[in-house]
Amino acid sequence: MKLFFTALMFYTRIPVPKNTGYSPENLNRATRFFPLIGWIISGAGALAFWGASMIMPLTASLLLSMAVQVLLTGAFHEDAFADFCDGFGGGYTKKQILTIMKDSRIGTYGTTGLVLMLLTKFTLLSLMDTRALITALLVAHPLSRLMSVFLIFTSKYVSGPDKSKSKPVGRKSSKTTFVIALFFGLLPLALMPVARIGLIFLLLIPLFVWFRFYVHKHIGGYTGDVLGALQQLSEATVYLALLIHFN
């Protein structure tokens, strides 16, 4: 339970018991619950959408749902995606990229990328009917977080020139951690037929391979912002895959 609360404390704004505490070791082991956090966020978003859709149009309900999800995470992954866009868009060397990503200010690349990401997710989801939209949320959030776990276990963590400003980041832990994360990330796929699952991975696997190659080429591994960017890209990709199938 302490590991679960550590994950909840780090990846969301949801209050946890005061005695949870923090340690790098617990954060690394808590990576196993990263996809499970996706269950919580997607469940809250789906519930907000379903309730709002009773009295409001689909697009308005979707906007409320997205707002609830952002509030629960504190825009944790959106902020990471914006930093990623700034760093890789404005930096030419590894040192420049890592330094820019640590800057708390958002630049042109980050602003543009974040706006386009939010619009992409909103547009893809708004083209689905209510049932498909709720299913998409419940599948995309855990699975996209599992992609970040895959990167942790197939890559290495890199820190910037000023290590004192490095944010805590979950890193590679035991095989047990990976198996548990795999279970929580893949279980929601039980909501879908095999054909739909195949279409999702037909898009997700090339995305992951390209993304890993890209970040390794430029910085040699991952950072917290890189993990958050992969989560956002994977989430949008799942929506795209489901929209293609549903149509």
C-alpha atoms as a PDB file:
ATOM      1  CA  MET A   1       0.000   0.000   0.000  1.00  0.00           C
ATOM      2  CA  LYS A   2       2.897   2.362   0.705  1.00  0.00           C
ATOM      3  CA  LEU A   3       4.165   1.832  -2.856  1.00  0.00           C
ATOM      4  CA  PHE A   4       0.695   2.484  -4.244  1.00  0.00           C
ATOM      5  CA  PHE A   5       0.371   5.685  -2.220  1.00  0.00           C
ATOM      6  CA  THR A   6       3.845   6.717  -3.380  1.00  0.00           C
ATOM      7  CA  ALA A   7       2.712   6.342  -6.991  1.00  0.00           C
ATOM      8  CA  LEU A   8      -0.498   8.219  -6.226  1.00  0.00           C
ATOM      9  CA  MET A   9       1.457  11.021  -4.525  1.00  0.00           C
ATOM     10  CA  PHE A  10       3.986  11.369  -7.335  1.00  0.00           C
ATOM     11  CA  TYR A  11       1.746  10.996 -10.399  1.00  0.00           C
ATOM     12  CA  THR A  12      -1.417  12.770  -9.182  1.00  0.00           C
ATOM     13  CA  ARG A  13      -2.682  15.521  -6.905  1.00  0.00           C
ATOM     14  CA  ILE A  14      -4.861  13.089  -4.962  1.00  0.00           C
ATOM     15  CA  PRO A  15      -4.154  13.301  -1.187  1.00  0.00           C
ATOM     16  CA  VAL A  16      -2.358  10.348   0.412  1.00  0.00           C
ATOM     17  CA  PRO A  17      -1.723   9.404   4.068  1.00  0.00           C
ATOM     18  CA  LYS A  18       0.865  11.665   5.718  1.00  0.00           C
ATOM     19  CA  ASN A  19       3.019   8.714   6.724  1.00  0.00           C
ATOM     20  CA  THR A  20       3.597   7.696   3.089  1.00  0.00           C
ATOM     21  CA  GLY A  21       6.894   9.560   3.013  1.00  0.00           C
ATOM     22  CA  TYR A  22       9.300   9.541   0.081  1.00  0.00           C
ATOM     23  CA  SER A  23      12.365   7.597  -0.906  1.00  0.00           C
ATOM     24  CA  PRO A  24      13.957   7.024  -4.330  1.00  0.00           C
ATOM     25  CA  GLU A  25      13.762   3.254  -3.748  1.00  0.00           C
ATOM     26  CA  ASN A  26      10.010   3.355  -3.108  1.00  0.00           C
ATOM     27  CA  LEU A  27       9.482   5.579  -6.133  1.00  0.00           C
ATOM     28  CA  ASN A  28      11.343   3.102  -8.341  1.00  0.00           C
ATOM     29  CA  ARG A  29       9.283   0.202  -7.008  1.00  0.00           C
ATOM     30  CA  ALA A  30       6.086   2.272  -7.302  1.00  0.00           C
ATOM     31  CA  THR A  31       6.571   2.302 -11.074  1.00  0.00           C
ATOM     32  CA  ARG A  32       4.620  -0.974 -11.029  1.00  0.00           C
ATOM     33  CA  PHE A  33       1.482   1.059 -10.257  1.00  0.00           C
ATOM     34  CA  PHE A  34       1.950   3.686 -12.974  1.00  0.00           C
ATOM     35  CA  PRO A  35      -0.584   1.989 -15.302  1.00  0.00           C
ATOM     36  CA  LEU A  36      -2.934   1.524 -12.343  1.00  0.00           C
ATOM     37  CA  ILE A  37      -2.876   5.289 -11.858  1.00  0.00           C
ATOM     38  CA  GLY A  38      -4.187   5.396 -15.415  1.00  0.00           C
ATOM     39  CA  TRP A  39      -7.204   3.403 -14.232  1.00  0.00           C
ATOM     40  CA  ILE A  40      -7.956   6.069 -11.631  1.00  0.00           C
ATOM     41  CA  ILE A  41      -7.527   9.024 -13.985  1.00  0.00           C
ATOM     42  CA  SER A  42      -9.469   7.442 -16.833  1.00  0.00           C
ATOM     43  CA  GLY A  43     -12.188   6.233 -14.476  1.00  0.00           C
ATOM     44  CA  ALA A  44     -12.685   9.733 -13.096  1.00  0.00           C
ATOM     45  CA  GLY A  45     -12.646  11.199 -16.598  1.00  0.00           C
ATOM     46  CA  ALA A  46     -15.103   8.625 -17.899  1.00  0.00           C
ATOM     47  CA  LEU A  47     -17.433   9.176 -14.940  1.00  0.00           C
ATOM     48  CA  ALA A  48     -17.312  12.945 -15.402  1.00  0.00           C
ATOM     49  CA  PHE A  49     -18.061  12.566 -19.104  1.00  0.00           C
ATOM     50  CA  TRP A  50     -20.904  10.106 -18.560  1.00  0.00           C
ATOM     51  CA  GLY A  51     -22.550  12.288 -15.926  1.00  0.00           C
ATOM     52  CA  ALA A  52     -22.170  15.491 -17.914  1.00  0.00           C
ATOM     53  CA  SER A  53     -23.442  13.847 -21.118  1.00  0.00           C
ATOM     54  CA  MET A  54     -26.828  13.408 -19.427  1.00  0.00           C
ATOM     55  CA  ILE A  55     -27.399  17.156 -19.498  1.00  0.00           C
ATOM     56  CA  MET A  56     -24.839  18.588 -21.929  1.00  0.00           C
ATOM     57  CA  PRO A  57     -23.699  18.028 -25.536  1.00  0.00           C
ATOM     58  CA  LEU A  58     -20.903  15.527 -26.164  1.00  0.00           C
ATOM     59  CA  THR A  59     -18.218  18.131 -26.857  1.00  0.00           C
ATOM     60  CA  ALA A  60     -18.975  20.078 -23.686  1.00  0.00           C
ATOM     61  CA  SER A  61     -18.987  16.855 -21.671  1.00  0.00           C
ATOM     62  CA  LEU A  62     -15.662  15.857 -23.198  1.00  0.00           C
ATOM     63  CA  LEU A  63     -14.117  19.219 -22.337  1.00  0.00           C
ATOM     64  CA  LEU A  64     -15.230  18.782 -18.720  1.00  0.00           C
ATOM     65  CA  SER A  65     -13.812  15.257 -18.680  1.00  0.00           C
ATOM     66  CA  MET A  66     -10.437  16.461 -19.950  1.00  0.00           C
ATOM     67  CA  ALA A  67     -10.411  19.221 -17.332  1.00  0.00           C
ATOM     68  CA  VAL A  68     -11.053  16.676 -14.567  1.00  0.00           C
ATOM     69  CA  GLN A  69      -8.184  14.508 -15.792  1.00  0.00           C
ATOM     70  CA  VAL A  70      -5.792  17.460 -15.915  1.00  0.00           C
ATOM     71  CA  LEU A  71      -6.820  18.598 -12.446  1.00  0.00           C
ATOM     72  CA  LEU A  72      -6.261  15.127 -10.987  1.00  0.00           C
ATOM     73  CA  THR A  73      -2.754  14.861 -12.443  1.00  0.00           C
ATOM     74  CA  GLY A  74      -1.855  18.519 -12.003  1.00  0.00           C
ATOM     75  CA  ALA A  75      -1.102  18.570 -15.754  1.00  0.00           C
ATOM     76  CA  PHE A  76       1.885  16.382 -14.873  1.00  0.00           C
ATOM     77  CA  HIS A  77       2.256  14.725 -18.270  1.00  0.00           C
ATOM     78  CA  GLU A  78       1.124  17.762 -20.268  1.00  0.00           C
ATOM     79  CA  ASP A  79       3.859  19.816 -18.600  1.00  0.00           C
ATOM     80  CA  ALA A  80       6.387  17.106 -19.470  1.00  0.00           C
ATOM     81  CA  PHE A  81       5.267  17.090 -23.100  1.00  0.00           C
ATOM     82  CA  ALA A  82       5.640  20.876 -23.317  1.00  0.00           C
ATOM     83  CA  ASP A  83       9.158  20.668 -21.814  1.00  0.00           C
ATOM     84  CA  PHE A  84      10.002  17.872 -24.247  1.00  0.00           C
ATOM     85  CA  CYS A  85       8.908  19.988 -27.216  1.00  0.00           C
ATOM     86  CA  ASP A  86      10.929  22.959 -25.974  1.00  0.00           C
ATOM     87  CA  GLY A  87      14.011  20.874 -25.307  1.00  0.00           C
ATOM     88  CA  PHE A  88      14.104  18.837 -28.489  1.00  0.00           C
ATOM     89  CA  GLY A  89      12.769  21.693 -30.588  1.00  0.00           C
ATOM     90  CA  GLY A  90      15.186  24.351 -29.350  1.00  0.00           C
ATOM     91  CA  GLY A  91      18.265  22.359 -28.351  1.00  0.00           C
ATOM     92  CA  TYR A  92      20.986  21.104 -30.680  1.00  0.00           C
ATOM     93  CA  THR A  93      23.259  19.269 -28.276  1.00  0.00           C
ATOM     94  CA  LYS A  94      22.510  16.885 -25.414  1.00  0.00           C
ATOM     95  CA  LYS A  95      23.504  19.526 -22.870  1.00  0.00           C
ATOM     96  CA  GLN A  96      21.271  22.160 -24.473  1.00  0.00           C
ATOM     97  CA  ILE A  97      18.279  19.828 -24.676  1.00  0.00           C
ATOM     98  CA  LEU A  98      18.564  18.741 -21.041  1.00  0.00           C
ATOM     99  CA  THR A  99      19.095  22.313 -19.841  1.00  0.00           C
ATOM    100  CA  ILE A 100      16.065  23.632 -21.730  1.00  0.00           C
ATOM    101  CA  MET A 101      13.843  20.824 -20.434  1.00  0.00           C
ATOM    102  CA  LYS A 102      14.730  21.776 -16.858  1.00  0.00           C
ATOM    103  CA  ASP A 103      13.665  25.398 -17.441  1.00  0.00           C
ATOM    104  CA  SER A 104      10.320  25.995 -15.713  1.00  0.00           C
ATOM    105  CA  ARG A 105       9.315  28.527 -18.368  1.00  0.00           C
ATOM    106  CA  ILE A 106       7.447  27.386 -21.483  1.00  0.00           C
ATOM    107  CA  GLY A 107       8.610  28.474 -24.916  1.00  0.00           C
ATOM    108  CA  THR A 108       7.194  28.607 -28.431  1.00  0.00           C
ATOM    109  CA  TYR A 109       7.810  24.927 -29.156  1.00  0.00           C
ATOM    110  CA  GLY A 110       6.277  23.861 -25.868  1.00  0.00           C
ATOM    111  CA  THR A 111       3.217  26.092 -26.235  1.00  0.00           C
ATOM    112  CA  THR A 112       2.596  24.989 -29.814  1.00  0.00           C
ATOM    113  CA  GLY A 113       3.111  21.311 -29.008  1.00  0.00           C
ATOM    114  CA  LEU A 114       0.859  21.386 -25.951  1.00  0.00           C
ATOM    115  CA  VAL A 115      -1.975  23.169 -27.762  1.00  0.00           C
ATOM    116  CA  LEU A 116      -1.765  20.761 -30.689  1.00  0.00           C
ATOM    117  CA  MET A 117      -1.685  17.734 -28.358  1.00  0.00           C
ATOM    118  CA  LEU A 118      -4.783  18.844 -26.442  1.00  0.00           C
ATOM    119  CA  LEU A 119      -6.596  19.668 -29.679  1.00  0.00           C
ATOM    120  CA  THR A 120      -5.626  16.308 -31.163  1.00  0.00           C
ATOM    121  CA  LYS A 121      -6.980  14.361 -28.207  1.00  0.00           C
ATOM    122  CA  PHE A 122     -10.141  16.471 -28.049  1.00  0.00           C
ATOM    123  CA  THR A 123     -10.787  16.113 -31.785  1.00  0.00           C
ATOM    124  CA  LEU A 124     -10.213  12.346 -31.887  1.00  0.00           C
ATOM    125  CA  LEU A 125     -12.425  11.698 -28.870  1.00  0.00           C
ATOM    126  CA  SER A 126     -15.171  14.075 -30.032  1.00  0.00           C
ATOM    127  CA  LEU A 127     -15.567  11.991 -33.192  1.00  0.00           C
ATOM    128  CA  MET A 128     -16.554   8.912 -31.153  1.00  0.00           C
ATOM    129  CA  ASP A 129     -19.931   8.084 -29.717  1.00  0.00           C
ATOM    130  CA  THR A 130     -20.439   7.961 -25.953  1.00  0.00           C
ATOM    131  CA  ARG A 131     -19.717   4.250 -25.491  1.00  0.00           C
ATOM    132  CA  ALA A 132     -16.631   4.297 -27.709  1.00  0.00           C
ATOM    133  CA  LEU A 133     -15.300   7.407 -25.989  1.00  0.00           C
ATOM    134  CA  ILE A 134     -15.579   5.923 -22.512  1.00  0.00           C
ATOM    135  CA  THR A 135     -13.926   2.707 -23.691  1.00  0.00           C
ATOM    136  CA  ALA A 136     -11.125   4.709 -25.302  1.00  0.00           C
ATOM    137  CA  LEU A 137     -10.404   6.544 -22.049  1.00  0.00           C
ATOM    138  CA  LEU A 138     -10.363   3.353 -19.987  1.00  0.00           C
ATOM    139  CA  VAL A 139      -7.927   1.669 -22.382  1.00  0.00           C
ATOM    140  CA  ALA A 140      -5.670   4.554 -23.430  1.00  0.00           C
ATOM    141  CA  HIS A 141      -4.619   5.854 -20.024  1.00  0.00           C
ATOM    142  CA  PRO A 142      -3.258   2.600 -18.537  1.00  0.00           C
ATOM    143  CA  LEU A 143      -1.755   1.460 -21.838  1.00  0.00           C
ATOM    144  CA  SER A 144      -0.021   4.765 -22.566  1.00  0.00           C
ATOM    145  CA  ARG A 145       1.542   4.718 -19.100  1.00  0.00           C
ATOM    146  CA  LEU A 146       2.715   1.176 -19.752  1.00  0.00           C
ATOM    147  CA  MET A 147       4.630   2.512 -22.773  1.00  0.00           C
ATOM    148  CA  SER A 148       6.568   4.782 -20.414  1.00  0.00           C
ATOM    149  CA  VAL A 149       7.340   1.778 -18.204  1.00  0.00           C
ATOM    150  CA  PHE A 150       8.633  -0.081 -21.281  1.00  0.00           C
ATOM    151  CA  LEU A 151      11.001   2.812 -21.953  1.00  0.00           C
ATOM    152  CA  ILE A 152      12.244   2.751 -18.357  1.00  0.00           C
ATOM    153  CA  PHE A 153      13.063  -0.951 -18.646  1.00  0.00           C
ATOM    154  CA  THR A 154      14.645  -0.766 -22.112  1.00  0.00           C
ATOM    155  CA  SER A 155      16.620   2.436 -21.721  1.00  0.00           C
ATOM    156  CA  LYS A 156      18.672   4.326 -19.158  1.00  0.00           C
ATOM    157  CA  TYR A 157      18.078   7.479 -17.145  1.00  0.00           C
ATOM    158  CA  VAL A 158      20.090  10.552 -18.067  1.00  0.00           C
ATOM    159  CA  SER A 159      20.396  13.654 -15.900  1.00  0.00           C
ATOM    160  CA  GLY A 160      21.171  17.221 -16.868  1.00  0.00           C
ATOM    161  CA  PRO A 161      24.328  19.195 -16.165  1.00  0.00           C
ATOM    162  CA  ASP A 162      22.812  20.555 -12.949  1.00  0.00           C
ATOM    163  CA  LYS A 163      21.801  17.421 -11.053  1.00  0.00           C
ATOM    164  CA  SER A 164      20.527  19.485  -8.118  1.00  0.00           C
ATOM    165  CA  LYS A 165      17.592  20.580 -10.272  1.00  0.00           C
ATOM    166  CA  SER A 166      16.703  17.061 -11.411  1.00  0.00           C
ATOM    167  CA  LYS A 167      13.160  15.983 -10.617  1.00  0.00           C
ATOM    168  CA  PRO A 168      12.563  12.608  -8.935  1.00  0.00           C
ATOM    169  CA  VAL A 169      11.947  10.003 -11.626  1.00  0.00           C
ATOM    170  CA  GLY A 170      10.908   6.371 -11.344  1.00  0.00           C
ATOM    171  CA  ARG A 171      13.679   4.153 -12.679  1.00  0.00           C
ATOM    172  CA  LYS A 172      14.214   0.508 -13.559  1.00  0.00           C
ATOM    173  CA  SER A 173      13.411  -1.815 -10.691  1.00  0.00           C
ATOM    174  CA  SER A 174      12.774  -5.557 -10.326  1.00  0.00           C
ATOM    175  CA  LYS A 175      11.169  -7.969 -12.782  1.00  0.00           C
ATOM    176  CA  THR A 176       8.232  -8.125 -10.390  1.00  0.00           C
ATOM    177  CA  THR A 177       7.669  -4.409 -10.892  1.00  0.00           C
ATOM    178  CA  PHE A 178       7.631  -4.876 -14.661  1.00  0.00           C
ATOM    179  CA  VAL A 179       5.218  -7.835 -14.554  1.00  0.00           C
ATOM    180  CA  ILE A 180       2.782  -5.978 -12.284  1.00  0.00           C
ATOM    181  CA  ALA A 181       2.903  -2.901 -14.514  1.00  0.00           C
ATOM    182  CA  LEU A 182       2.329  -5.130 -17.540  1.00  0.00           C
ATOM    183  CA  PHE A 183      -0.727  -6.656 -15.894  1.00  0.00           C
ATOM    184  CA  PHE A 184      -2.331  -3.319 -15.014  1.00  0.00           C
ATOM    185  CA  GLY A 185      -1.478  -1.819 -18.404  1.00  0.00           C
ATOM    186  CA  LEU A 186      -2.840  -4.660 -20.533  1.00  0.00           C
ATOM    187  CA  LEU A 187      -5.865  -5.727 -18.482  1.00  0.00           C
ATOM    188  CA  PRO A 188      -8.211  -3.001 -19.847  1.00  0.00           C
ATOM    189  CA  LEU A 189      -7.669  -4.463 -23.317  1.00  0.00           C
ATOM    190  CA  ALA A 190     -10.014  -7.241 -22.185  1.00  0.00           C
ATOM    191  CA  LEU A 191     -12.779  -4.744 -23.001  1.00  0.00           C
ATOM    192  CA  MET A 192     -11.983  -5.189 -26.688  1.00  0.00           C
ATOM    193  CA  PRO A 193     -11.953  -7.898 -29.374  1.00  0.00           C
ATOM    194  CA  VAL A 194      -8.593  -9.146 -30.621  1.00  0.00           C
ATOM    195  CA  ALA A 195      -8.898  -7.240 -33.908  1.00  0.00           C
ATOM    196  CA  ARG A 196      -9.109  -3.918 -32.098  1.00  0.00           C
ATOM    197  CA  ILE A 197      -6.152  -4.784 -29.909  1.00  0.00           C
ATOM    198  CA  GLY A 198      -4.119  -5.637 -32.998  1.00  0.00           C
ATOM    199  CA  LEU A 199      -4.843  -2.263 -34.558  1.00  0.00           C
ATOM    200  CA  ILE A 200      -3.744  -0.458 -31.394  1.00  0.00           C
ATOM    201  CA  PHE A 201      -0.377  -2.208 -31.314  1.00  0.00           C
ATOM    202  CA  LEU A 202       0.030  -1.814 -35.062  1.00  0.00           C
ATOM    203  CA  LEU A 203       0.361   1.915 -34.346  1.00  0.00           C
ATOM    204  CA  LEU A 204       1.841   1.844 -30.841  1.00  0.00           C
ATOM    205  CA  ILE A 205       4.826  -0.409 -31.553  1.00  0.00           C
ATOM    206  CA  PRO A 206       6.237   1.727 -34.412  1.00  0.00           C
ATOM    207  CA  LEU A 207       5.671   4.840 -32.293  1.00  0.00           C
ATOM    208  CA  PHE A 208       7.618   3.338 -29.394  1.00  0.00           C
ATOM    209  CA  VAL A 209      10.474   2.112 -31.609  1.00  0.00           C
ATOM    210  CA  TRP A 210      10.793   5.475 -33.357  1.00  0.00           C
ATOM    211  CA  PHE A 211      10.497   7.469 -30.125  1.00  0.00           C
ATOM    212  CA  ARG A 212      13.137   5.383 -28.330  1.00  0.00           C
ATOM    213  CA  PHE A 213      15.496   5.693 -31.299  1.00  0.00           C
ATOM    214  CA  TYR A 214      14.904   9.446 -31.454  1.00  0.00           C
ATOM    215  CA  VAL A 215      15.609  10.191 -27.776  1.00  0.00           C
ATOM    216  CA  HIS A 216      18.610   7.844 -27.698  1.00  0.00           C
ATOM    217  CA  LYS A 217      20.049   9.556 -30.737  1.00  0.00           C
ATOM    218  CA  HIS A 218      19.820  12.992 -29.127  1.00  0.00           C
ATOM    219  CA  ILE A 219      20.334  12.444 -25.377  1.00  0.00           C
ATOM    220  CA  GLY A 220      21.200   8.771 -24.940  1.00  0.00           C
ATOM    221  CA  GLY A 221      18.241   7.784 -22.758  1.00  0.00           C
ATOM    222  CA  TYR A 222      15.212   9.134 -20.955  1.00  0.00           C
ATOM    223  CA  THR A 223      14.276  11.795 -18.440  1.00  0.00           C
ATOM    224  CA  GLY A 224      10.993  12.403 -16.625  1.00  0.00           C
ATOM    225  CA  ASP A 225       9.914  14.788 -19.380  1.00  0.00           C
ATOM    226  CA  VAL A 226      10.688  12.172 -22.025  1.00  0.00           C
ATOM    227  CA  LEU A 227       8.525   9.628 -20.198  1.00  0.00           C
ATOM    228  CA  GLY A 228       5.662  12.127 -19.951  1.00  0.00           C
ATOM    229  CA  ALA A 229       5.944  12.978 -23.639  1.00  0.00           C
ATOM    230  CA  LEU A 230       5.783   9.297 -24.579  1.00  0.00           C
ATOM    231  CA  GLN A 231       2.668   8.881 -22.424  1.00  0.00           C
ATOM    232  CA  GLN A 232       0.929  11.766 -24.200  1.00  0.00           C
ATOM    233  CA  LEU A 233       1.889  10.565 -27.666  1.00  0.00           C
ATOM    234  CA  SER A 234       0.834   6.994 -26.846  1.00  0.00           C
ATOM    235  CA  GLU A 235      -2.508   8.143 -25.432  1.00  0.00           C
ATOM    236  CA  ALA A 236      -3.301  10.088 -28.608  1.00  0.00           C
ATOM    237  CA  THR A 237      -2.183   7.138 -30.736  1.00  0.00           C
ATOM    238  CA  VAL A 238      -4.572   4.776 -28.957  1.00  0.00           C
ATOM    239  CA  TYR A 239      -7.431   7.215 -29.601  1.00  0.00           C
ATOM    240  CA  LEU A 240      -6.478   7.325 -33.261  1.00  0.00           C
ATOM    241  CA  ALA A 241      -6.364   3.533 -33.510  1.00  0.00           C
ATOM    242  CA  LEU A 242      -9.770   3.155 -31.878  1.00  0.00           C
ATOM    243  CA  LEU A 243     -11.301   5.877 -34.021  1.00  0.00           C
ATOM    244  CA  ILE A 244     -10.096   4.183 -37.179  1.00  0.00           C
ATOM    245  CA  HIS A 245     -11.605   0.901 -36.047  1.00  0.00           C
ATOM    246  CA  PHE A 246     -14.881   2.354 -34.800  1.00  0.00           C
ATOM    247  CA  ASN A 247     -15.416   4.039 -38.158  1.00  0.00           C
END
